[in-house]
Amino acid sequence: MVKSGSKLKPSQDSSFLVIAGASLHVLLNGRVFPPLHRVVITGKKDRHVAGLFLRPEEGLIINTHEEIVDDEHPRLYKPFDYEDYLKFTDTNTKGRDLFNLKTYCAL
């Protein structure tokens, strides 16, 4: 786990980085953190980057699985429609960070 505000540098030329989004954070009841991120290009060496974004189908409700909710790990978020969440962030907050996710559907 990387702490907030950390800077990651690729450890080698073939580094692979996965950044979790809001839906995975809710599905796993906060066990995976959706970081704010930006890419800064330094140096003159060519770099190849591919972004792959997965988006739930329209009407799908994002909900924490019952098996990972218990007395020690109470549910953190209400179930929500991902399309409605996107509309909320586009019209109300202009961002999809953890603060806005909590504003939208935290219990």
N, C-alpha and C. Protein backbone atom coordinates (compact mmCIF):
# COMPACT_ATOMS: atom_id res chain seq x y z
N MET A 1 0.85 -1.18 0.00
CA MET A 1 0.00 0.00 0.00
C MET A 1 0.89 1.23 0.00
N VAL A 2 0.55 2.20 -0.80
CA VAL A 2 1.31 3.43 -0.91
C VAL A 2 0.57 4.53 -0.17
N LYS A 3 1.28 5.30 0.64
CA LYS A 3 0.61 6.34 1.41
C LYS A 3 0.26 7.54 0.54
N SER A 4 -0.69 8.32 1.00
CA SER A 4 -1.16 9.49 0.28
C SER A 4 -0.02 10.48 0.04
N GLY A 5 0.03 11.03 -1.17
CA GLY A 5 1.05 12.00 -1.51
C GLY A 5 2.35 11.40 -2.00
N SER A 6 2.42 10.07 -2.08
CA SER A 6 3.64 9.40 -2.53
C SER A 6 3.83 9.58 -4.02
N LYS A 7 5.08 9.59 -4.43
CA LYS A 7 5.41 9.63 -5.85
C LYS A 7 5.96 8.27 -6.24
N LEU A 8 5.39 7.70 -7.28
CA LEU A 8 5.85 6.40 -7.75
C LEU A 8 6.75 6.59 -8.96
N LYS A 9 7.84 5.87 -8.99
CA LYS A 9 8.73 5.87 -10.15
C LYS A 9 8.84 4.43 -10.63
N PRO A 10 8.74 4.24 -11.95
CA PRO A 10 8.89 2.87 -12.45
C PRO A 10 10.22 2.28 -12.00
N SER A 11 10.18 1.02 -11.59
CA SER A 11 11.40 0.37 -11.11
C SER A 11 12.26 -0.15 -12.25
N GLN A 12 11.67 -0.28 -13.42
CA GLN A 12 12.41 -0.76 -14.58
C GLN A 12 11.68 -0.33 -15.84
N ASP A 13 12.27 -0.57 -16.98
CA ASP A 13 11.66 -0.15 -18.24
C ASP A 13 10.33 -0.84 -18.52
N SER A 14 10.11 -2.00 -17.95
CA SER A 14 8.89 -2.75 -18.23
C SER A 14 7.89 -2.68 -17.07
N SER A 15 7.87 -1.60 -16.34
CA SER A 15 6.95 -1.47 -15.20
C SER A 15 5.50 -1.44 -15.67
N PHE A 16 4.63 -1.92 -14.81
CA PHE A 16 3.20 -1.98 -15.09
C PHE A 16 2.48 -1.48 -13.84
N LEU A 17 1.62 -0.49 -13.98
CA LEU A 17 0.95 0.12 -12.85
C LEU A 17 -0.56 0.02 -13.03
N VAL A 18 -1.26 -0.43 -12.00
CA VAL A 18 -2.72 -0.51 -12.03
C VAL A 18 -3.25 0.46 -10.99
N ILE A 19 -4.19 1.30 -11.40
CA ILE A 19 -4.81 2.26 -10.49
C ILE A 19 -6.28 1.90 -10.36
N ALA A 20 -6.71 1.63 -9.14
CA ALA A 20 -8.10 1.25 -8.88
C ALA A 20 -8.99 2.48 -8.90
N GLY A 21 -10.22 2.30 -9.35
CA GLY A 21 -11.18 3.39 -9.38
C GLY A 21 -12.21 3.28 -8.27
N ALA A 22 -13.17 4.18 -8.31
CA ALA A 22 -14.20 4.28 -7.27
C ALA A 22 -15.03 3.01 -7.14
N SER A 23 -15.39 2.41 -8.27
CA SER A 23 -16.26 1.23 -8.19
C SER A 23 -15.56 0.07 -7.48
N LEU A 24 -14.27 -0.15 -7.74
CA LEU A 24 -13.54 -1.22 -7.06
C LEU A 24 -13.39 -0.90 -5.57
N HIS A 25 -13.19 0.35 -5.24
CA HIS A 25 -13.11 0.78 -3.84
C HIS A 25 -14.39 0.42 -3.10
N VAL A 26 -15.54 0.68 -3.71
CA VAL A 26 -16.83 0.36 -3.07
C VAL A 26 -17.07 -1.14 -3.05
N LEU A 27 -16.79 -1.83 -4.15
CA LEU A 27 -16.98 -3.29 -4.20
C LEU A 27 -16.21 -4.00 -3.09
N LEU A 28 -15.01 -3.49 -2.78
CA LEU A 28 -14.16 -4.13 -1.77
C LEU A 28 -14.24 -3.41 -0.42
N ASN A 29 -15.27 -2.60 -0.23
CA ASN A 29 -15.55 -1.93 1.04
C ASN A 29 -14.36 -1.15 1.58
N GLY A 30 -13.71 -0.40 0.69
CA GLY A 30 -12.62 0.48 1.11
C GLY A 30 -11.27 -0.18 1.24
N ARG A 31 -11.15 -1.45 0.89
CA ARG A 31 -9.87 -2.15 1.05
C ARG A 31 -8.85 -1.78 -0.03
N VAL A 32 -9.31 -1.20 -1.12
CA VAL A 32 -8.44 -0.71 -2.19
C VAL A 32 -8.68 0.78 -2.32
N PHE A 33 -7.61 1.56 -2.38
CA PHE A 33 -7.72 3.01 -2.39
C PHE A 33 -7.68 3.56 -3.82
N PRO A 34 -8.65 4.42 -4.19
CA PRO A 34 -8.62 5.03 -5.53
C PRO A 34 -7.86 6.36 -5.49
N PRO A 35 -6.59 6.35 -5.85
CA PRO A 35 -5.76 7.55 -5.68
C PRO A 35 -6.04 8.64 -6.71
N LEU A 36 -5.75 9.87 -6.33
CA LEU A 36 -5.64 10.94 -7.32
C LEU A 36 -4.33 10.67 -8.04
N HIS A 37 -4.29 10.91 -9.31
CA HIS A 37 -3.06 10.60 -10.02
C HIS A 37 -2.84 11.56 -11.18
N ARG A 38 -1.59 11.70 -11.53
CA ARG A 38 -1.21 12.46 -12.72
C ARG A 38 0.11 11.89 -13.21
N VAL A 39 0.34 12.05 -14.47
CA VAL A 39 1.57 11.55 -15.08
C VAL A 39 2.46 12.73 -15.42
N VAL A 40 3.70 12.66 -15.00
CA VAL A 40 4.68 13.69 -15.32
C VAL A 40 5.76 13.04 -16.16
N ILE A 41 5.97 13.57 -17.33
CA ILE A 41 6.98 13.01 -18.23
C ILE A 41 8.28 13.78 -18.04
N THR A 42 9.33 13.03 -17.73
CA THR A 42 10.64 13.64 -17.56
C THR A 42 11.63 12.94 -18.49
N GLY A 43 12.67 13.62 -18.84
CA GLY A 43 13.70 13.02 -19.68
C GLY A 43 13.31 13.03 -21.15
N LYS A 44 14.19 12.48 -21.96
CA LYS A 44 13.98 12.48 -23.41
C LYS A 44 13.75 11.09 -23.97
N LYS A 45 13.73 10.09 -23.12
CA LYS A 45 13.54 8.72 -23.56
C LYS A 45 12.08 8.48 -23.94
N ASP A 46 11.85 7.77 -25.05
CA ASP A 46 10.49 7.44 -25.45
C ASP A 46 9.81 6.60 -24.37
N ARG A 47 8.53 6.83 -24.23
CA ARG A 47 7.76 6.10 -23.23
C ARG A 47 6.42 5.73 -23.86
N HIS A 48 5.99 4.51 -23.65
CA HIS A 48 4.73 4.05 -24.21
C HIS A 48 3.73 3.84 -23.08
N VAL A 49 2.56 4.43 -23.24
CA VAL A 49 1.53 4.36 -22.21
C VAL A 49 0.21 3.97 -22.86
N ALA A 50 -0.53 3.09 -22.22
CA ALA A 50 -1.86 2.72 -22.70
C ALA A 50 -2.83 2.81 -21.53
N GLY A 51 -3.89 3.55 -21.72
CA GLY A 51 -4.92 3.65 -20.69
C GLY A 51 -6.05 2.68 -21.01
N LEU A 52 -6.46 1.92 -20.04
CA LEU A 52 -7.57 0.99 -20.21
C LEU A 52 -8.57 1.29 -19.10
N PHE A 53 -9.75 1.70 -19.49
CA PHE A 53 -10.76 2.07 -18.51
C PHE A 53 -11.94 1.12 -18.64
N LEU A 54 -12.32 0.51 -17.55
CA LEU A 54 -13.48 -0.37 -17.54
C LEU A 54 -14.62 0.37 -16.86
N ARG A 55 -15.78 0.30 -17.48
CA ARG A 55 -16.93 1.02 -16.96
C ARG A 55 -18.11 0.06 -16.89
N PRO A 56 -18.78 0.01 -15.74
CA PRO A 56 -19.93 -0.90 -15.62
C PRO A 56 -21.01 -0.55 -16.64
N GLU A 57 -21.77 -1.56 -17.05
CA GLU A 57 -22.85 -1.30 -18.00
C GLU A 57 -23.92 -0.43 -17.35
N GLU A 58 -24.62 0.32 -18.16
CA GLU A 58 -25.64 1.23 -17.67
C GLU A 58 -26.69 0.48 -16.86
N GLY A 59 -27.05 1.03 -15.72
CA GLY A 59 -28.07 0.43 -14.87
C GLY A 59 -27.52 -0.55 -13.84
N LEU A 60 -26.23 -0.88 -13.93
CA LEU A 60 -25.64 -1.82 -12.97
C LEU A 60 -25.43 -1.12 -11.63
N ILE A 61 -25.86 -1.76 -10.56
CA ILE A 61 -25.71 -1.19 -9.22
C ILE A 61 -24.39 -1.67 -8.62
N ILE A 62 -23.58 -0.73 -8.16
CA ILE A 62 -22.31 -1.04 -7.50
C ILE A 62 -22.61 -1.21 -6.02
N ASN A 63 -22.23 -2.36 -5.46
CA ASN A 63 -22.56 -2.67 -4.08
C ASN A 63 -21.46 -3.55 -3.49
N THR A 64 -21.11 -3.30 -2.24
CA THR A 64 -20.13 -4.13 -1.55
C THR A 64 -20.69 -5.53 -1.37
N HIS A 65 -19.87 -6.53 -1.62
CA HIS A 65 -20.30 -7.92 -1.49
C HIS A 65 -20.52 -8.26 -0.01
N GLU A 66 -21.59 -8.96 0.27
CA GLU A 66 -21.96 -9.30 1.66
C GLU A 66 -20.88 -10.07 2.41
N GLU A 67 -20.08 -10.87 1.70
CA GLU A 67 -19.07 -11.70 2.36
C GLU A 67 -17.95 -10.89 3.00
N ILE A 68 -17.77 -9.63 2.60
CA ILE A 68 -16.68 -8.85 3.20
C ILE A 68 -17.21 -7.77 4.15
N VAL A 69 -18.49 -7.82 4.46
CA VAL A 69 -19.08 -6.91 5.44
C VAL A 69 -19.38 -7.71 6.70
N ASP A 70 -18.88 -7.23 7.84
CA ASP A 70 -19.17 -7.89 9.12
C ASP A 70 -19.06 -6.85 10.23
N ASP A 71 -19.10 -7.30 11.49
CA ASP A 71 -19.05 -6.36 12.62
C ASP A 71 -17.74 -5.57 12.66
N GLU A 72 -16.64 -6.21 12.26
CA GLU A 72 -15.35 -5.52 12.26
C GLU A 72 -15.14 -4.64 11.03
N HIS A 73 -15.88 -4.93 9.96
CA HIS A 73 -15.77 -4.19 8.71
C HIS A 73 -17.17 -3.81 8.22
N PRO A 74 -17.80 -2.84 8.89
CA PRO A 74 -19.17 -2.47 8.49
C PRO A 74 -19.19 -1.85 7.09
N ARG A 75 -20.35 -1.94 6.45
CA ARG A 75 -20.51 -1.38 5.11
C ARG A 75 -20.20 0.13 5.14
N LEU A 76 -19.38 0.58 4.19
CA LEU A 76 -18.97 1.98 4.14
C LEU A 76 -19.80 2.82 3.16
N TYR A 77 -20.40 2.15 2.17
CA TYR A 77 -21.09 2.88 1.10
C TYR A 77 -22.46 2.28 0.80
N LYS A 78 -23.38 3.15 0.42
CA LYS A 78 -24.69 2.71 -0.06
C LYS A 78 -24.51 2.17 -1.48
N PRO A 79 -25.33 1.20 -1.87
CA PRO A 79 -25.30 0.76 -3.27
C PRO A 79 -25.66 1.95 -4.17
N PHE A 80 -25.04 2.01 -5.35
CA PHE A 80 -25.35 3.13 -6.25
C PHE A 80 -25.23 2.72 -7.71
N ASP A 81 -25.95 3.45 -8.54
CA ASP A 81 -25.89 3.27 -9.99
C ASP A 81 -24.69 4.08 -10.50
N TYR A 82 -23.78 3.42 -11.19
CA TYR A 82 -22.54 4.08 -11.61
C TYR A 82 -22.81 5.25 -12.55
N GLU A 83 -23.77 5.12 -13.45
CA GLU A 83 -24.10 6.22 -14.36
C GLU A 83 -24.57 7.45 -13.59
N ASP A 84 -25.37 7.23 -12.54
CA ASP A 84 -25.82 8.36 -11.72
C ASP A 84 -24.65 9.01 -11.00
N TYR A 85 -23.69 8.20 -10.55
CA TYR A 85 -22.49 8.74 -9.90
C TYR A 85 -21.70 9.61 -10.89
N LEU A 86 -21.54 9.15 -12.13
CA LEU A 86 -20.82 9.94 -13.13
C LEU A 86 -21.53 11.27 -13.38
N LYS A 87 -22.84 11.23 -13.47
CA LYS A 87 -23.60 12.47 -13.67
C LYS A 87 -23.40 13.42 -12.48
N PHE A 88 -23.42 12.87 -11.27
CA PHE A 88 -23.19 13.67 -10.07
C PHE A 88 -21.83 14.35 -10.11
N THR A 89 -20.79 13.59 -10.43
CA THR A 89 -19.45 14.18 -10.44
C THR A 89 -19.28 15.19 -11.57
N ASP A 90 -19.92 14.95 -12.70
CA ASP A 90 -19.81 15.89 -13.82
C ASP A 90 -20.52 17.20 -13.55
N THR A 91 -21.67 17.15 -12.88
CA THR A 91 -22.46 18.36 -12.69
C THR A 91 -22.19 19.07 -11.36
N ASN A 92 -21.80 18.33 -10.33
CA ASN A 92 -21.69 18.93 -9.00
C ASN A 92 -20.27 19.18 -8.52
N THR A 93 -19.33 18.37 -8.94
CA THR A 93 -18.02 18.43 -8.30
C THR A 93 -16.85 18.58 -9.25
N LYS A 94 -17.03 18.25 -10.49
CA LYS A 94 -15.95 18.31 -11.48
C LYS A 94 -14.76 17.43 -11.10
N GLY A 95 -14.99 16.34 -10.41
CA GLY A 95 -13.90 15.44 -10.07
C GLY A 95 -14.42 14.12 -9.55
N ARG A 96 -13.61 13.09 -9.68
CA ARG A 96 -14.00 11.76 -9.20
C ARG A 96 -12.97 11.26 -8.19
N ASP A 97 -12.77 12.02 -7.14
CA ASP A 97 -11.84 11.59 -6.11
C ASP A 97 -12.59 10.96 -4.94
N LEU A 98 -11.86 10.51 -3.95
CA LEU A 98 -12.46 9.81 -2.82
C LEU A 98 -13.42 10.71 -2.04
N PHE A 99 -13.11 11.99 -1.91
CA PHE A 99 -14.00 12.92 -1.20
C PHE A 99 -15.37 12.97 -1.87
N ASN A 100 -15.38 13.05 -3.19
CA ASN A 100 -16.65 13.13 -3.92
C ASN A 100 -17.42 11.82 -3.87
N LEU A 101 -16.71 10.70 -3.87
CA LEU A 101 -17.36 9.40 -3.72
C LEU A 101 -18.05 9.33 -2.36
N LYS A 102 -17.36 9.76 -1.31
CA LYS A 102 -17.95 9.74 0.03
C LYS A 102 -19.13 10.70 0.12
N THR A 103 -19.02 11.86 -0.51
CA THR A 103 -20.13 12.80 -0.53
C THR A 103 -21.35 12.18 -1.19
N TYR A 104 -21.13 11.43 -2.25
CA TYR A 104 -22.22 10.85 -3.02
C TYR A 104 -22.90 9.67 -2.33
N CYS A 105 -22.13 8.75 -1.74
CA CYS A 105 -22.78 7.52 -1.29
C CYS A 105 -22.26 6.92 0.02
N ALA A 106 -21.48 7.65 0.80
CA ALA A 106 -21.01 7.09 2.07
C ALA A 106 -22.15 6.97 3.07
N LEU A 107 -22.06 5.96 3.93
CA LEU A 107 -23.05 5.78 4.99
C LEU A 107 -22.64 6.55 6.22
